């Protein structure tokens, strides 16, 4: 990896981390504090779409850890949920990109959002709330995943069109 590529990866990591932190702080005021749009995943989706899978894993892990440090949740169950959801969603989005017929950017984004939400729900069931009643949230989380997946993909499409010079940085 060249110095330029490493610098760009650091920039993308910082961008995703700031978006993750700001969104985390804003949505703490909402009555359902576990709800987020996942806008920091725009960066991860962009990397996956451009076949930078390893970089997408690095950004997903780093933004969770940096976000945990800044929001003082590093040693809380929230970091476990964030890391597991991020890693599994990157893995499944990468698979969706590589299988044939190939998923669209929107399809990959929705796969990632659903995987993220369901992984977090499963981890919460295993480690935080050992009660199956937690799964009553599944329909809500799937609807939110659909909305956030479409929103993230739309923004990523927009960035691909409006900022084509980003491709040269990867």
Protein backbone atom coordinates (compact mmCIF):
# COMPACT_ATOMS: atom_id res chain seq x y z
CA UNK A 1 0.00 0.00 0.00
CA UNK A 2 1.44 3.34 -1.01
CA UNK A 3 1.70 6.35 1.27
CA UNK A 4 -1.06 8.04 -0.74
CA UNK A 5 -3.40 5.05 -0.38
CA UNK A 6 -2.67 4.79 3.33
CA UNK A 7 -3.39 8.50 3.80
CA UNK A 8 -6.67 8.15 1.93
CA UNK A 9 -7.63 5.14 4.05
CA UNK A 10 -6.88 7.19 7.18
CA UNK A 11 -9.07 9.99 5.80
CA UNK A 12 -11.93 7.56 5.12
CA UNK A 13 -11.54 6.03 8.59
CA UNK A 14 -11.65 9.47 10.19
CA UNK A 15 -14.71 10.41 8.11
CA UNK A 16 -16.57 7.22 9.07
CA UNK A 17 -15.57 7.63 12.72
CA UNK A 18 -16.84 11.21 12.91
CA UNK A 19 -20.12 10.24 11.26
CA UNK A 20 -20.47 7.29 13.66
CA UNK A 21 -19.79 9.47 16.71
CA UNK A 22 -22.09 12.32 15.67
CA UNK A 23 -24.90 9.94 14.81
CA UNK A 24 -24.42 8.09 18.09
CA UNK A 25 -24.63 11.31 20.09
CA UNK A 26 -27.65 12.63 18.18
CA UNK A 27 -29.66 9.42 18.42
CA UNK A 28 -29.11 9.10 22.18
CA UNK A 29 -31.84 11.71 22.55
CA UNK A 30 -34.36 9.54 20.67
CA UNK A 31 -36.69 7.42 22.84
CA UNK A 32 -35.32 4.27 21.15
CA UNK A 33 -31.55 4.77 21.60
CA UNK A 34 -30.63 1.66 19.59
CA UNK A 35 -31.94 3.19 16.35
CA UNK A 36 -29.40 4.68 13.95
CA UNK A 37 -29.33 5.33 10.22
CA UNK A 38 -25.78 4.00 9.93
CA UNK A 39 -24.56 6.84 7.75
CA UNK A 40 -20.94 5.99 8.54
CA UNK A 41 -21.52 2.87 6.48
CA UNK A 42 -21.49 5.03 3.35
CA UNK A 43 -17.70 4.90 3.54
CA UNK A 44 -17.69 1.12 3.98
CA UNK A 45 -20.16 0.62 1.14
CA UNK A 46 -18.03 2.84 -1.10
CA UNK A 47 -14.94 0.74 -0.34
CA UNK A 48 -16.74 -2.55 -0.96
CA UNK A 49 -18.25 -1.30 -4.21
CA UNK A 50 -14.73 -0.40 -5.34
CA UNK A 51 -13.50 -3.86 -4.29
CA UNK A 52 -11.38 -2.65 -1.39
CA UNK A 53 -12.64 -5.36 0.97
CA UNK A 54 -9.70 -5.35 3.39
CA UNK A 55 -9.93 -1.56 3.68
CA UNK A 56 -13.65 -1.88 4.39
CA UNK A 57 -12.91 -4.27 7.28
CA UNK A 58 -10.26 -1.87 8.62
CA UNK A 59 -12.66 1.08 8.53
CA UNK A 60 -15.53 -0.91 10.09
CA UNK A 61 -13.38 -2.07 13.00
CA UNK A 62 -11.60 1.25 13.50
CA UNK A 63 -14.77 3.35 13.49
CA UNK A 64 -16.33 1.11 16.13
CA UNK A 65 -13.27 1.32 18.37
CA UNK A 66 -12.73 5.06 17.86
CA UNK A 67 -16.44 5.69 18.39
CA UNK A 68 -16.32 3.61 21.57
CA UNK A 69 -13.41 5.63 22.92
CA UNK A 70 -14.96 9.01 22.14
CA UNK A 71 -18.47 8.17 23.39
CA UNK A 72 -17.10 6.35 26.44
CA UNK A 73 -18.71 3.05 25.43
CA UNK A 74 -15.50 1.15 24.68
CA UNK A 75 -15.91 -1.19 27.64
CA UNK A 76 -19.67 -1.54 27.30
CA UNK A 77 -21.75 -4.10 25.43
CA UNK A 78 -22.33 -1.46 22.73
CA UNK A 79 -18.82 -2.04 21.37
CA UNK A 80 -19.50 -5.77 21.05
CA UNK A 81 -22.66 -5.05 19.10
CA UNK A 82 -20.98 -2.46 16.90
CA UNK A 83 -17.95 -4.60 16.09
CA UNK A 84 -19.88 -7.79 15.43
CA UNK A 85 -22.49 -6.03 13.31
CA UNK A 86 -19.81 -4.21 11.34
CA UNK A 87 -17.63 -7.23 10.64
CA UNK A 88 -20.51 -9.52 9.65
CA UNK A 89 -22.09 -6.86 7.43
CA UNK A 90 -18.80 -6.21 5.60
CA UNK A 91 -18.37 -9.94 5.10
CA UNK A 92 -21.89 -10.41 3.70
CA UNK A 93 -21.75 -7.27 1.55
CA UNK A 94 -18.48 -8.52 0.09
CA UNK A 95 -20.09 -11.87 -0.70
CA UNK A 96 -23.04 -10.09 -2.30
CA UNK A 97 -20.62 -8.13 -4.49
CA UNK A 98 -18.69 -11.21 -5.58
CA UNK A 99 -21.52 -13.67 -6.31
CA UNK A 100 -23.22 -13.93 -9.67
CA UNK A 101 -25.58 -12.50 -10.68
CA UNK A 102 -24.09 -9.48 -9.04
CA UNK A 103 -26.11 -7.40 -6.62
CA UNK A 104 -26.60 -3.71 -7.33
CA UNK A 105 -25.14 -1.10 -5.02
CA UNK A 106 -28.57 -0.74 -3.42
CA UNK A 107 -28.90 -4.50 -2.97
CA UNK A 108 -25.46 -4.73 -1.36
CA UNK A 109 -26.31 -1.84 0.95
CA UNK A 110 -29.58 -3.47 2.03
CA UNK A 111 -27.80 -6.80 2.62
CA UNK A 112 -25.30 -4.99 4.85
CA UNK A 113 -27.95 -3.10 6.79
CA UNK A 114 -30.02 -6.24 7.41
CA UNK A 115 -26.93 -8.24 8.37
CA UNK A 116 -25.81 -5.49 10.75
CA UNK A 117 -29.18 -5.25 12.50
CA UNK A 118 -29.78 -8.99 12.74
CA UNK A 119 -26.23 -9.64 13.98
CA UNK A 120 -26.64 -7.02 16.67
CA UNK A 121 -30.00 -8.48 17.65
CA UNK A 122 -28.49 -11.97 17.88
CA UNK A 123 -25.51 -10.75 19.91
CA UNK A 124 -27.81 -8.81 22.25
CA UNK A 125 -29.83 -12.01 22.76
CA UNK A 126 -26.70 -14.08 23.46
CA UNK A 127 -24.80 -11.70 25.71
CA UNK A 128 -27.03 -8.91 27.05
CA UNK A 129 -30.70 -9.88 27.27
CA UNK A 130 -31.04 -13.68 27.37
CA UNK A 131 -34.72 -13.64 26.55
CA UNK A 132 -36.42 -14.46 23.25
CA UNK A 133 -38.86 -11.59 23.69
CA UNK A 134 -36.08 -9.40 22.32
CA UNK A 135 -36.93 -10.72 18.85
CA UNK A 136 -40.15 -8.72 18.89
CA UNK A 137 -37.90 -5.95 17.54
CA UNK A 138 -37.09 -7.91 14.37
CA UNK A 139 -39.77 -6.37 12.09
CA UNK A 140 -38.86 -2.85 13.21
CA UNK A 141 -35.15 -3.51 12.69
CA UNK A 142 -35.76 -5.01 9.23
CA UNK A 143 -37.82 -1.99 8.19
CA UNK A 144 -35.12 0.35 9.49
CA UNK A 145 -32.48 -1.70 7.67
CA UNK A 146 -34.38 -1.33 4.42
CA UNK A 147 -34.68 2.43 4.88
CA UNK A 148 -31.06 2.92 5.93
CA UNK A 149 -29.78 0.56 3.21
CA UNK A 150 -31.58 2.50 0.50
CA UNK A 151 -30.49 5.85 1.98
CA UNK A 152 -26.85 4.76 2.26
CA UNK A 153 -26.85 3.43 -1.32
CA UNK A 154 -28.41 6.63 -2.67
CA UNK A 155 -25.74 8.76 -1.01
CA UNK A 156 -23.02 6.42 -2.25
CA UNK A 157 -24.41 6.63 -5.82
CA UNK A 158 -24.38 10.40 -5.51
CA UNK A 159 -20.77 10.43 -4.34
CA UNK A 160 -19.74 8.13 -7.20
CA UNK A 161 -21.23 10.56 -9.71
CA UNK A 162 -20.28 13.87 -8.12
CA UNK A 163 -16.80 12.99 -6.91
CA UNK A 164 -15.30 10.70 -9.56
CA UNK A 165 -11.79 11.79 -8.55
CA UNK A 166 -12.15 9.64 -5.41
CA UNK A 167 -11.61 6.54 -7.56
CA UNK A 168 -8.06 7.66 -8.25
CA UNK A 169 -7.31 7.68 -4.53
CA UNK A 170 -8.02 3.98 -4.01
